[in-house]
Amino acid sequence: MSELMKLLLEITLGVLAIGICIVFVRAIKGPRFTDRIVAINMIGTMTTAIICILSIYLNEVCLIDVSLVYTLLSFLAVVIICHVVTLHHKGRELFLNKKEKRAEEK
């Protein structure tokens, strides 16, 4: 691999690392839940890109498999988090509806 290609890959890794830090701040500060979920998903995507770039940089084909498994786990984690939060909000709505019905009955 040429020196120019190595330099380009190192710069790309640095930019992605900085991007992950910025998105991590958004995941913490995000005013809404959707902002946090998108930030978590973005961190997973950037991490996958970093693993793929490292695979090229280190000339290790097995890291591509690691990247695929990480992508699947990241996606599954986001889906489960969304599902849990949705169930929480539905349960809260049911609780508030029951509370309103009790107040109307009195």
PDB file of N, CA and C in Angstrom:
ATOM      1  N   MET A   1       0.853  -1.166   0.000  1.00  0.00           N
ATOM      2  CA  MET A   1       0.000   0.000   0.000  1.00  0.00           C
ATOM      3  C   MET A   1       0.906   1.238   0.000  1.00  0.00           C
ATOM      4  N   SER A   2       0.525   2.224  -0.777  1.00  0.00           N
ATOM      5  CA  SER A   2       1.359   3.413  -0.896  1.00  0.00           C
ATOM      6  C   SER A   2       1.242   4.292   0.345  1.00  0.00           C
ATOM      7  N   GLU A   3       2.214   5.153   0.494  1.00  0.00           N
ATOM      8  CA  GLU A   3       2.223   6.071   1.642  1.00  0.00           C
ATOM      9  C   GLU A   3       1.054   7.052   1.573  1.00  0.00           C
ATOM     10  N   LEU A   4       0.686   7.465   0.359  1.00  0.00           N
ATOM     11  CA  LEU A   4      -0.440   8.380   0.192  1.00  0.00           C
ATOM     12  C   LEU A   4      -1.737   7.717   0.651  1.00  0.00           C
ATOM     13  N   MET A   5      -1.906   6.457   0.298  1.00  0.00           N
ATOM     14  CA  MET A   5      -3.105   5.722   0.713  1.00  0.00           C
ATOM     15  C   MET A   5      -3.143   5.557   2.228  1.00  0.00           C
ATOM     16  N   LYS A   6      -2.016   5.250   2.850  1.00  0.00           N
ATOM     17  CA  LYS A   6      -1.959   5.132   4.309  1.00  0.00           C
ATOM     18  C   LYS A   6      -2.312   6.453   4.973  1.00  0.00           C
ATOM     19  N   LEU A   7      -1.781   7.548   4.442  1.00  0.00           N
ATOM     20  CA  LEU A   7      -2.082   8.871   4.997  1.00  0.00           C
ATOM     21  C   LEU A   7      -3.563   9.194   4.859  1.00  0.00           C
ATOM     22  N   LEU A   8      -4.129   8.878   3.710  1.00  0.00           N
ATOM     23  CA  LEU A   8      -5.553   9.130   3.488  1.00  0.00           C
ATOM     24  C   LEU A   8      -6.417   8.315   4.448  1.00  0.00           C
ATOM     25  N   LEU A   9      -6.067   7.062   4.676  1.00  0.00           N
ATOM     26  CA  LEU A   9      -6.819   6.229   5.611  1.00  0.00           C
ATOM     27  C   LEU A   9      -6.687   6.732   7.042  1.00  0.00           C
ATOM     28  N   GLU A  10      -5.492   7.189   7.422  1.00  0.00           N
ATOM     29  CA  GLU A  10      -5.295   7.729   8.766  1.00  0.00           C
ATOM     30  C   GLU A  10      -6.100   9.005   8.969  1.00  0.00           C
ATOM     31  N   ILE A  11      -6.144   9.861   7.963  1.00  0.00           N
ATOM     32  CA  ILE A  11      -6.944  11.092   8.063  1.00  0.00           C
ATOM     33  C   ILE A  11      -8.425  10.746   8.174  1.00  0.00           C
ATOM     34  N   THR A  12      -8.860   9.770   7.390  1.00  0.00           N
ATOM     35  CA  THR A  12     -10.261   9.343   7.449  1.00  0.00           C
ATOM     36  C   THR A  12     -10.609   8.779   8.824  1.00  0.00           C
ATOM     37  N   LEU A  13      -9.712   7.991   9.391  1.00  0.00           N
ATOM     38  CA  LEU A  13      -9.944   7.464  10.745  1.00  0.00           C
ATOM     39  C   LEU A  13     -10.046   8.590  11.765  1.00  0.00           C
ATOM     40  N   GLY A  14      -9.193   9.593  11.632  1.00  0.00           N
ATOM     41  CA  GLY A  14      -9.248  10.733  12.540  1.00  0.00           C
ATOM     42  C   GLY A  14     -10.548  11.515  12.419  1.00  0.00           C
ATOM     43  N   VAL A  15     -10.984  11.737  11.193  1.00  0.00           N
ATOM     44  CA  VAL A  15     -12.241  12.465  10.978  1.00  0.00           C
ATOM     45  C   VAL A  15     -13.417  11.684  11.556  1.00  0.00           C
ATOM     46  N   LEU A  16     -13.426  10.378  11.341  1.00  0.00           N
ATOM     47  CA  LEU A  16     -14.503   9.561  11.902  1.00  0.00           C
ATOM     48  C   LEU A  16     -14.471   9.550  13.430  1.00  0.00           C
ATOM     49  N   ALA A  17     -13.285   9.520  14.015  1.00  0.00           N
ATOM     50  CA  ALA A  17     -13.178   9.552  15.482  1.00  0.00           C
ATOM     51  C   ALA A  17     -13.710  10.876  16.035  1.00  0.00           C
ATOM     52  N   ILE A  18     -13.372  11.976  15.373  1.00  0.00           N
ATOM     53  CA  ILE A  18     -13.898  13.280  15.794  1.00  0.00           C
ATOM     54  C   ILE A  18     -15.408  13.315  15.624  1.00  0.00           C
ATOM     55  N   GLY A  19     -15.900  12.734  14.526  1.00  0.00           N
ATOM     56  CA  GLY A  19     -17.341  12.676  14.301  1.00  0.00           C
ATOM     57  C   GLY A  19     -18.063  11.886  15.376  1.00  0.00           C
ATOM     58  N   ILE A  20     -17.455  10.791  15.807  1.00  0.00           N
ATOM     59  CA  ILE A  20     -18.061   9.999  16.881  1.00  0.00           C
ATOM     60  C   ILE A  20     -18.141  10.812  18.165  1.00  0.00           C
ATOM     61  N   CYS A  21     -17.105  11.580  18.469  1.00  0.00           N
ATOM     62  CA  CYS A  21     -17.131  12.424  19.677  1.00  0.00           C
ATOM     63  C   CYS A  21     -18.238  13.466  19.599  1.00  0.00           C
ATOM     64  N   ILE A  22     -18.401  14.086  18.439  1.00  0.00           N
ATOM     65  CA  ILE A  22     -19.449  15.096  18.270  1.00  0.00           C
ATOM     66  C   ILE A  22     -20.832  14.465  18.398  1.00  0.00           C
ATOM     67  N   VAL A  23     -21.023  13.318  17.781  1.00  0.00           N
ATOM     68  CA  VAL A  23     -22.319  12.645  17.843  1.00  0.00           C
ATOM     69  C   VAL A  23     -22.590  12.138  19.266  1.00  0.00           C
ATOM     70  N   PHE A  24     -21.544  11.755  19.979  1.00  0.00           N
ATOM     71  CA  PHE A  24     -21.718  11.319  21.370  1.00  0.00           C
ATOM     72  C   PHE A  24     -22.245  12.457  22.235  1.00  0.00           C
ATOM     73  N   VAL A  25     -21.754  13.656  21.988  1.00  0.00           N
ATOM     74  CA  VAL A  25     -22.271  14.829  22.717  1.00  0.00           C
ATOM     75  C   VAL A  25     -23.758  15.008  22.413  1.00  0.00           C
ATOM     76  N   ARG A  26     -24.148  14.827  21.143  1.00  0.00           N
ATOM     77  CA  ARG A  26     -25.563  14.944  20.781  1.00  0.00           C
ATOM     78  C   ARG A  26     -26.389  13.853  21.451  1.00  0.00           C
ATOM     79  N   ALA A  27     -25.821  12.678  21.592  1.00  0.00           N
ATOM     80  CA  ALA A  27     -26.548  11.586  22.248  1.00  0.00           C
ATOM     81  C   ALA A  27     -26.796  11.909  23.718  1.00  0.00           C
ATOM     82  N   ILE A  28     -25.878  12.621  24.338  1.00  0.00           N
ATOM     83  CA  ILE A  28     -26.052  12.976  25.748  1.00  0.00           C
ATOM     84  C   ILE A  28     -26.966  14.183  25.900  1.00  0.00           C
ATOM     85  N   LYS A  29     -26.751  15.214  25.089  1.00  0.00           N
ATOM     86  CA  LYS A  29     -27.483  16.464  25.234  1.00  0.00           C
ATOM     87  C   LYS A  29     -28.830  16.481  24.531  1.00  0.00           C
ATOM     88  N   GLY A  30     -29.036  15.577  23.576  1.00  0.00           N
ATOM     89  CA  GLY A  30     -30.221  15.622  22.720  1.00  0.00           C
ATOM     90  C   GLY A  30     -31.498  15.959  23.464  1.00  0.00           C
ATOM     91  N   PRO A  31     -32.214  16.975  23.021  1.00  0.00           N
ATOM     92  CA  PRO A  31     -33.416  17.362  23.766  1.00  0.00           C
ATOM     93  C   PRO A  31     -34.536  16.325  23.674  1.00  0.00           C
ATOM     94  N   ARG A  32     -34.564  15.560  22.607  1.00  0.00           N
ATOM     95  CA  ARG A  32     -35.633  14.573  22.435  1.00  0.00           C
ATOM     96  C   ARG A  32     -35.045  13.171  22.362  1.00  0.00           C
ATOM     97  N   PHE A  33     -35.935  12.218  22.574  1.00  0.00           N
ATOM     98  CA  PHE A  33     -35.526  10.821  22.508  1.00  0.00           C
ATOM     99  C   PHE A  33     -35.080  10.445  21.104  1.00  0.00           C
ATOM    100  N   THR A  34     -35.759  10.970  20.099  1.00  0.00           N
ATOM    101  CA  THR A  34     -35.406  10.633  18.715  1.00  0.00           C
ATOM    102  C   THR A  34     -34.001  11.109  18.364  1.00  0.00           C
ATOM    103  N   ASP A  35     -33.590  12.260  18.892  1.00  0.00           N
ATOM    104  CA  ASP A  35     -32.227  12.743  18.664  1.00  0.00           C
ATOM    105  C   ASP A  35     -31.204  11.764  19.236  1.00  0.00           C
ATOM    106  N   ARG A  36     -31.507  11.251  20.388  1.00  0.00           N
ATOM    107  CA  ARG A  36     -30.583  10.310  21.032  1.00  0.00           C
ATOM    108  C   ARG A  36     -30.498   8.993  20.262  1.00  0.00           C
ATOM    109  N   ILE A  37     -31.629   8.504  19.781  1.00  0.00           N
ATOM    110  CA  ILE A  37     -31.632   7.247  19.032  1.00  0.00           C
ATOM    111  C   ILE A  37     -30.867   7.403  17.726  1.00  0.00           C
ATOM    112  N   VAL A  38     -31.094   8.506  17.023  1.00  0.00           N
ATOM    113  CA  VAL A  38     -30.371   8.739  15.766  1.00  0.00           C
ATOM    114  C   VAL A  38     -28.874   8.856  16.037  1.00  0.00           C
ATOM    115  N   ALA A  39     -28.498   9.497  17.140  1.00  0.00           N
ATOM    116  CA  ALA A  39     -27.080   9.635  17.486  1.00  0.00           C
ATOM    117  C   ALA A  39     -26.463   8.265  17.792  1.00  0.00           C
ATOM    118  N   ILE A  40     -27.183   7.432  18.512  1.00  0.00           N
ATOM    119  CA  ILE A  40     -26.667   6.098  18.825  1.00  0.00           C
ATOM    120  C   ILE A  40     -26.495   5.286  17.544  1.00  0.00           C
ATOM    121  N   ASN A  41     -27.465   5.390  16.648  1.00  0.00           N
ATOM    122  CA  ASN A  41     -27.373   4.684  15.377  1.00  0.00           C
ATOM    123  C   ASN A  41     -26.204   5.213  14.545  1.00  0.00           C
ATOM    124  N   MET A  42     -25.986   6.510  14.587  1.00  0.00           N
ATOM    125  CA  MET A  42     -24.876   7.118  13.842  1.00  0.00           C
ATOM    126  C   MET A  42     -23.525   6.670  14.402  1.00  0.00           C
ATOM    127  N   ILE A  43     -23.425   6.548  15.710  1.00  0.00           N
ATOM    128  CA  ILE A  43     -22.180   6.062  16.314  1.00  0.00           C
ATOM    129  C   ILE A  43     -21.906   4.633  15.843  1.00  0.00           C
ATOM    130  N   GLY A  44     -22.941   3.810  15.796  1.00  0.00           N
ATOM    131  CA  GLY A  44     -22.770   2.444  15.308  1.00  0.00           C
ATOM    132  C   GLY A  44     -22.316   2.403  13.860  1.00  0.00           C
ATOM    133  N   THR A  45     -22.879   3.277  13.035  1.00  0.00           N
ATOM    134  CA  THR A  45     -22.497   3.328  11.628  1.00  0.00           C
ATOM    135  C   THR A  45     -21.056   3.789  11.455  1.00  0.00           C
ATOM    136  N   MET A  46     -20.663   4.814  12.203  1.00  0.00           N
ATOM    137  CA  MET A  46     -19.286   5.309  12.116  1.00  0.00           C
ATOM    138  C   MET A  46     -18.286   4.271  12.633  1.00  0.00           C
ATOM    139  N   THR A  47     -18.667   3.545  13.663  1.00  0.00           N
ATOM    140  CA  THR A  47     -17.785   2.508  14.187  1.00  0.00           C
ATOM    141  C   THR A  47     -17.600   1.397  13.161  1.00  0.00           C
ATOM    142  N   THR A  48     -18.668   1.064  12.467  1.00  0.00           N
ATOM    143  CA  THR A  48     -18.574   0.064  11.400  1.00  0.00           C
ATOM    144  C   THR A  48     -17.624   0.542  10.302  1.00  0.00           C
ATOM    145  N   ALA A  49     -17.730   1.813   9.939  1.00  0.00           N
ATOM    146  CA  ALA A  49     -16.831   2.369   8.922  1.00  0.00           C
ATOM    147  C   ALA A  49     -15.385   2.324   9.395  1.00  0.00           C
ATOM    148  N   ILE A  50     -15.150   2.627  10.661  1.00  0.00           N
ATOM    149  CA  ILE A  50     -13.789   2.586  11.206  1.00  0.00           C
ATOM    150  C   ILE A  50     -13.232   1.157  11.155  1.00  0.00           C
ATOM    151  N   ILE A  51     -14.057   0.178  11.505  1.00  0.00           N
ATOM    152  CA  ILE A  51     -13.588  -1.209  11.461  1.00  0.00           C
ATOM    153  C   ILE A  51     -13.241  -1.613  10.033  1.00  0.00           C
ATOM    154  N   CYS A  52     -14.061  -1.201   9.064  1.00  0.00           N
ATOM    155  CA  CYS A  52     -13.778  -1.525   7.663  1.00  0.00           C
ATOM    156  C   CYS A  52     -12.496  -0.851   7.177  1.00  0.00           C
ATOM    157  N   ILE A  53     -12.291   0.403   7.566  1.00  0.00           N
ATOM    158  CA  ILE A  53     -11.066   1.111   7.174  1.00  0.00           C
ATOM    159  C   ILE A  53      -9.851   0.463   7.823  1.00  0.00           C
ATOM    160  N   LEU A  54      -9.976   0.058   9.072  1.00  0.00           N
ATOM    161  CA  LEU A  54      -8.869  -0.654   9.728  1.00  0.00           C
ATOM    162  C   LEU A  54      -8.571  -1.973   9.038  1.00  0.00           C
ATOM    163  N   SER A  55      -9.610  -2.614   8.515  1.00  0.00           N
ATOM    164  CA  SER A  55      -9.407  -3.854   7.780  1.00  0.00           C
ATOM    165  C   SER A  55      -8.531  -3.619   6.549  1.00  0.00           C
ATOM    166  N   ILE A  56      -8.771  -2.529   5.866  1.00  0.00           N
ATOM    167  CA  ILE A  56      -7.950  -2.195   4.695  1.00  0.00           C
ATOM    168  C   ILE A  56      -6.544  -1.782   5.131  1.00  0.00           C
ATOM    169  N   TYR A  57      -6.475  -0.954   6.157  1.00  0.00           N
ATOM    170  CA  TYR A  57      -5.198  -0.420   6.624  1.00  0.00           C
ATOM    171  C   TYR A  57      -4.274  -1.532   7.139  1.00  0.00           C
ATOM    172  N   LEU A  58      -4.839  -2.469   7.889  1.00  0.00           N
ATOM    173  CA  LEU A  58      -4.047  -3.557   8.476  1.00  0.00           C
ATOM    174  C   LEU A  58      -3.970  -4.789   7.578  1.00  0.00           C
ATOM    175  N   ASN A  59      -4.699  -4.740   6.468  1.00  0.00           N
ATOM    176  CA  ASN A  59      -4.735  -5.845   5.516  1.00  0.00           C
ATOM    177  C   ASN A  59      -5.218  -7.139   6.188  1.00  0.00           C
ATOM    178  N   GLU A  60      -6.279  -7.018   6.976  1.00  0.00           N
ATOM    179  CA  GLU A  60      -6.895  -8.147   7.688  1.00  0.00           C
ATOM    180  C   GLU A  60      -8.327  -8.322   7.196  1.00  0.00           C
ATOM    181  N   VAL A  61      -8.568  -9.387   6.478  1.00  0.00           N
ATOM    182  CA  VAL A  61      -9.893  -9.626   5.913  1.00  0.00           C
ATOM    183  C   VAL A  61     -10.906 -10.003   6.995  1.00  0.00           C
ATOM    184  N   CYS A  62     -10.453 -10.606   8.077  1.00  0.00           N
ATOM    185  CA  CYS A  62     -11.374 -11.073   9.117  1.00  0.00           C
ATOM    186  C   CYS A  62     -12.093  -9.911   9.815  1.00  0.00           C
ATOM    187  N   LEU A  63     -11.548  -8.717   9.747  1.00  0.00           N
ATOM    188  CA  LEU A  63     -12.214  -7.575  10.369  1.00  0.00           C
ATOM    189  C   LEU A  63     -13.510  -7.204   9.655  1.00  0.00           C
ATOM    190  N   ILE A  64     -13.653  -7.581   8.399  1.00  0.00           N
ATOM    191  CA  ILE A  64     -14.905  -7.341   7.684  1.00  0.00           C
ATOM    192  C   ILE A  64     -16.028  -8.156   8.327  1.00  0.00           C
ATOM    193  N   ASP A  65     -15.729  -9.375   8.723  1.00  0.00           N
ATOM    194  CA  ASP A  65     -16.724 -10.201   9.414  1.00  0.00           C
ATOM    195  C   ASP A  65     -17.106  -9.575  10.759  1.00  0.00           C
ATOM    196  N   VAL A  66     -16.116  -9.077  11.461  1.00  0.00           N
ATOM    197  CA  VAL A  66     -16.376  -8.389  12.732  1.00  0.00           C
ATOM    198  C   VAL A  66     -17.281  -7.191  12.493  1.00  0.00           C
ATOM    199  N   SER A  67     -17.013  -6.466  11.429  1.00  0.00           N
ATOM    200  CA  SER A  67     -17.813  -5.296  11.084  1.00  0.00           C
ATOM    201  C   SER A  67     -19.269  -5.673  10.808  1.00  0.00           C
ATOM    202  N   LEU A  68     -19.486  -6.759  10.092  1.00  0.00           N
ATOM    203  CA  LEU A  68     -20.852  -7.204   9.805  1.00  0.00           C
ATOM    204  C   LEU A  68     -21.600  -7.598  11.069  1.00  0.00           C
ATOM    205  N   VAL A  69     -20.931  -8.323  11.952  1.00  0.00           N
ATOM    206  CA  VAL A  69     -21.567  -8.723  13.211  1.00  0.00           C
ATOM    207  C   VAL A  69     -21.872  -7.491  14.059  1.00  0.00           C
ATOM    208  N   TYR A  70     -20.945  -6.549  14.111  1.00  0.00           N
ATOM    209  CA  TYR A  70     -21.165  -5.325  14.885  1.00  0.00           C
ATOM    210  C   TYR A  70     -22.344  -4.532  14.323  1.00  0.00           C
ATOM    211  N   THR A  71     -22.457  -4.477  13.010  1.00  0.00           N
ATOM    212  CA  THR A  71     -23.578  -3.763  12.384  1.00  0.00           C
ATOM    213  C   THR A  71     -24.905  -4.399  12.766  1.00  0.00           C
ATOM    214  N   LEU A  72     -24.977  -5.707  12.713  1.00  0.00           N
ATOM    215  CA  LEU A  72     -26.216  -6.391  13.081  1.00  0.00           C
ATOM    216  C   LEU A  72     -26.572  -6.168  14.551  1.00  0.00           C
ATOM    217  N   LEU A  73     -25.582  -6.232  15.420  1.00  0.00           N
ATOM    218  CA  LEU A  73     -25.842  -6.008  16.846  1.00  0.00           C
ATOM    219  C   LEU A  73     -26.255  -4.566  17.122  1.00  0.00           C
ATOM    220  N   SER A  74     -25.636  -3.629  16.437  1.00  0.00           N
ATOM    221  CA  SER A  74     -25.985  -2.222  16.603  1.00  0.00           C
ATOM    222  C   SER A  74     -27.423  -1.964  16.157  1.00  0.00           C
ATOM    223  N   PHE A  75     -27.792  -2.514  15.016  1.00  0.00           N
ATOM    224  CA  PHE A  75     -29.153  -2.359  14.535  1.00  0.00           C
ATOM    225  C   PHE A  75     -30.154  -2.981  15.492  1.00  0.00           C
ATOM    226  N   LEU A  76     -29.854  -4.172  15.953  1.00  0.00           N
ATOM    227  CA  LEU A  76     -30.745  -4.855  16.883  1.00  0.00           C
ATOM    228  C   LEU A  76     -30.902  -4.072  18.185  1.00  0.00           C
ATOM    229  N   ALA A  77     -29.822  -3.494  18.671  1.00  0.00           N
ATOM    230  CA  ALA A  77     -29.888  -2.698  19.907  1.00  0.00           C
ATOM    231  C   ALA A  77     -30.798  -1.483  19.725  1.00  0.00           C
ATOM    232  N   VAL A  78     -30.690  -0.808  18.601  1.00  0.00           N
ATOM    233  CA  VAL A  78     -31.535   0.367  18.357  1.00  0.00           C
ATOM    234  C   VAL A  78     -32.999  -0.040  18.257  1.00  0.00           C
ATOM    235  N   VAL A  79     -33.286  -1.145  17.592  1.00  0.00           N
ATOM    236  CA  VAL A  79     -34.669  -1.610  17.472  1.00  0.00           C
ATOM    237  C   VAL A  79     -35.230  -1.981  18.840  1.00  0.00           C
ATOM    238  N   ILE A  80     -34.442  -2.650  19.664  1.00  0.00           N
ATOM    239  CA  ILE A  80     -34.915  -3.038  20.995  1.00  0.00           C
ATOM    240  C   ILE A  80     -35.143  -1.813  21.869  1.00  0.00           C
ATOM    241  N   ILE A  81     -34.253  -0.847  21.814  1.00  0.00           N
ATOM    242  CA  ILE A  81     -34.434   0.381  22.603  1.00  0.00           C
ATOM    243  C   ILE A  81     -35.704   1.103  22.184  1.00  0.00           C
ATOM    244  N   CYS A  82     -35.935   1.213  20.884  1.00  0.00           N
ATOM    245  CA  CYS A  82     -37.161   1.853  20.397  1.00  0.00           C
ATOM    246  C   CYS A  82     -38.401   1.091  20.853  1.00  0.00           C
ATOM    247  N   HIS A  83     -38.341  -0.218  20.812  1.00  0.00           N
ATOM    248  CA  HIS A  83     -39.482  -1.030  21.223  1.00  0.00           C
ATOM    249  C   HIS A  83     -39.769  -0.862  22.719  1.00  0.00           C
ATOM    250  N   VAL A  84     -38.748  -0.876  23.527  1.00  0.00           N
ATOM    251  CA  VAL A  84     -38.928  -0.728  24.972  1.00  0.00           C
ATOM    252  C   VAL A  84     -39.516   0.637  25.308  1.00  0.00           C
ATOM    253  N   VAL A  85     -39.015   1.674  24.671  1.00  0.00           N
ATOM    254  CA  VAL A  85     -39.527   3.019  24.945  1.00  0.00           C
ATOM    255  C   VAL A  85     -40.964   3.144  24.461  1.00  0.00           C
ATOM    256  N   THR A  86     -41.288   2.558  23.327  1.00  0.00           N
ATOM    257  CA  THR A  86     -42.657   2.597  22.830  1.00  0.00           C
ATOM    258  C   THR A  86     -43.603   1.889  23.795  1.00  0.00           C
ATOM    259  N   LEU A  87     -43.206   0.736  24.293  1.00  0.00           N
ATOM    260  CA  LEU A  87     -44.032   0.032  25.274  1.00  0.00           C
ATOM    261  C   LEU A  87     -44.185   0.843  26.551  1.00  0.00           C
ATOM    262  N   HIS A  88     -43.135   1.532  26.966  1.00  0.00           N
ATOM    263  CA  HIS A  88     -43.204   2.365  28.164  1.00  0.00           C
ATOM    264  C   HIS A  88     -44.220   3.486  27.982  1.00  0.00           C
ATOM    265  N   HIS A  89     -44.187   4.134  26.813  1.00  0.00           N
ATOM    266  CA  HIS A  89     -45.124   5.227  26.563  1.00  0.00           C
ATOM    267  C   HIS A  89     -46.562   4.718  26.451  1.00  0.00           C
ATOM    268  N   LYS A  90     -46.760   3.560  25.844  1.00  0.00           N
ATOM    269  CA  LYS A  90     -48.104   2.999  25.756  1.00  0.00           C
ATOM    270  C   LYS A  90     -48.629   2.640  27.143  1.00  0.00           C
ATOM    271  N   GLY A  91     -47.762   2.074  27.975  1.00  0.00           N
ATOM    272  CA  GLY A  91     -48.169   1.750  29.339  1.00  0.00           C
ATOM    273  C   GLY A  91     -48.501   2.997  30.134  1.00  0.00           C
ATOM    274  N   ARG A  92     -47.769   4.052  29.896  1.00  0.00           N
ATOM    275  CA  ARG A  92     -48.030   5.316  30.591  1.00  0.00           C
ATOM    276  C   ARG A  92     -49.362   5.899  30.148  1.00  0.00           C
ATOM    277  N   GLU A  93     -49.667   5.816  28.846  1.00  0.00           N
ATOM    278  CA  GLU A  93     -50.948   6.310  28.349  1.00  0.00           C
ATOM    279  C   GLU A  93     -52.104   5.521  28.947  1.00  0.00           C
ATOM    280  N   LEU A  94     -51.960   4.199  29.040  1.00  0.00           N
ATOM    281  CA  LEU A  94     -53.012   3.381  29.639  1.00  0.00           C
ATOM    282  C   LEU A  94     -53.225   3.754  31.100  1.00  0.00           C
ATOM    283  N   PHE A  95     -52.113   3.987  31.815  1.00  0.00           N
ATOM    284  CA  PHE A  95     -52.205   4.368  33.220  1.00  0.00           C
ATOM    285  C   PHE A  95     -52.925   5.707  33.363  1.00  0.00           C
ATOM    286  N   LEU A  96     -52.590   6.678  32.518  1.00  0.00           N
ATOM    287  CA  LEU A  96     -53.241   7.987  32.592  1.00  0.00           C
ATOM    288  C   LEU A  96     -54.711   7.902  32.206  1.00  0.00           C
ATOM    289  N   ASN A  97     -55.043   7.075  31.227  1.00  0.00           N
ATOM    290  CA  ASN A  97     -56.454   6.898  30.850  1.00  0.00           C
ATOM    291  C   ASN A  97     -57.253   6.289  31.981  1.00  0.00           C
ATOM    292  N   LYS A  98     -56.696   5.299  32.671  1.00  0.00           N
ATOM    293  CA  LYS A  98     -57.389   4.692  33.810  1.00  0.00           C
ATOM    294  C   LYS A  98     -57.568   5.701  34.939  1.00  0.00           C
ATOM    295  N   LYS A  99     -56.565   6.523  35.141  1.00  0.00           N
ATOM    296  CA  LYS A  99     -56.636   7.541  36.188  1.00  0.00           C
ATOM    297  C   LYS A  99     -57.728   8.559  35.871  1.00  0.00           C
ATOM    298  N   GLU A 100     -57.854   8.951  34.604  1.00  0.00           N
ATOM    299  CA  GLU A 100     -58.891   9.893  34.189  1.00  0.00           C
ATOM    300  C   GLU A 100     -60.285   9.282  34.371  1.00  0.00           C
ATOM    301  N   LYS A 101     -60.427   8.012  34.041  1.00  0.00           N
ATOM    302  CA  LYS A 101     -61.726   7.340  34.198  1.00  0.00           C
ATOM    303  C   LYS A 101     -62.129   7.281  35.659  1.00  0.00           C
ATOM    304  N   ARG A 102     -61.174   7.022  36.546  1.00  0.00           N
ATOM    305  CA  ARG A 102     -61.468   6.987  37.978  1.00  0.00           C
ATOM    306  C   ARG A 102     -61.884   8.367  38.467  1.00  0.00           C
ATOM    307  N   ALA A 103     -61.220   9.406  37.952  1.00  0.00           N
ATOM    308  CA  ALA A 103     -61.553  10.776  38.355  1.00  0.00           C
ATOM    309  C   ALA A 103     -62.963  11.147  37.861  1.00  0.00           C
ATOM    310  N   GLU A 104     -63.330  10.681  36.676  1.00  0.00           N
ATOM    311  CA  GLU A 104     -64.669  10.973  36.144  1.00  0.00           C
ATOM    312  C   GLU A 104     -65.759  10.244  36.937  1.00  0.00           C
ATOM    313  N   GLU A 105     -65.448   9.033  37.408  1.00  0.00           N
ATOM    314  CA  GLU A 105     -66.418   8.258  38.160  1.00  0.00           C
ATOM    315  C   GLU A 105     -66.698   8.884  39.513  1.00  0.00           C
ATOM    316  N   LYS A 106     -65.735   9.556  40.072  1.00  0.00           N
ATOM    317  CA  LYS A 106     -65.934  10.173  41.409  1.00  0.00           C
ATOM    318  C   LYS A 106     -66.711  11.420  41.213  1.00  0.00           C
TER     319      LYS A 106
END
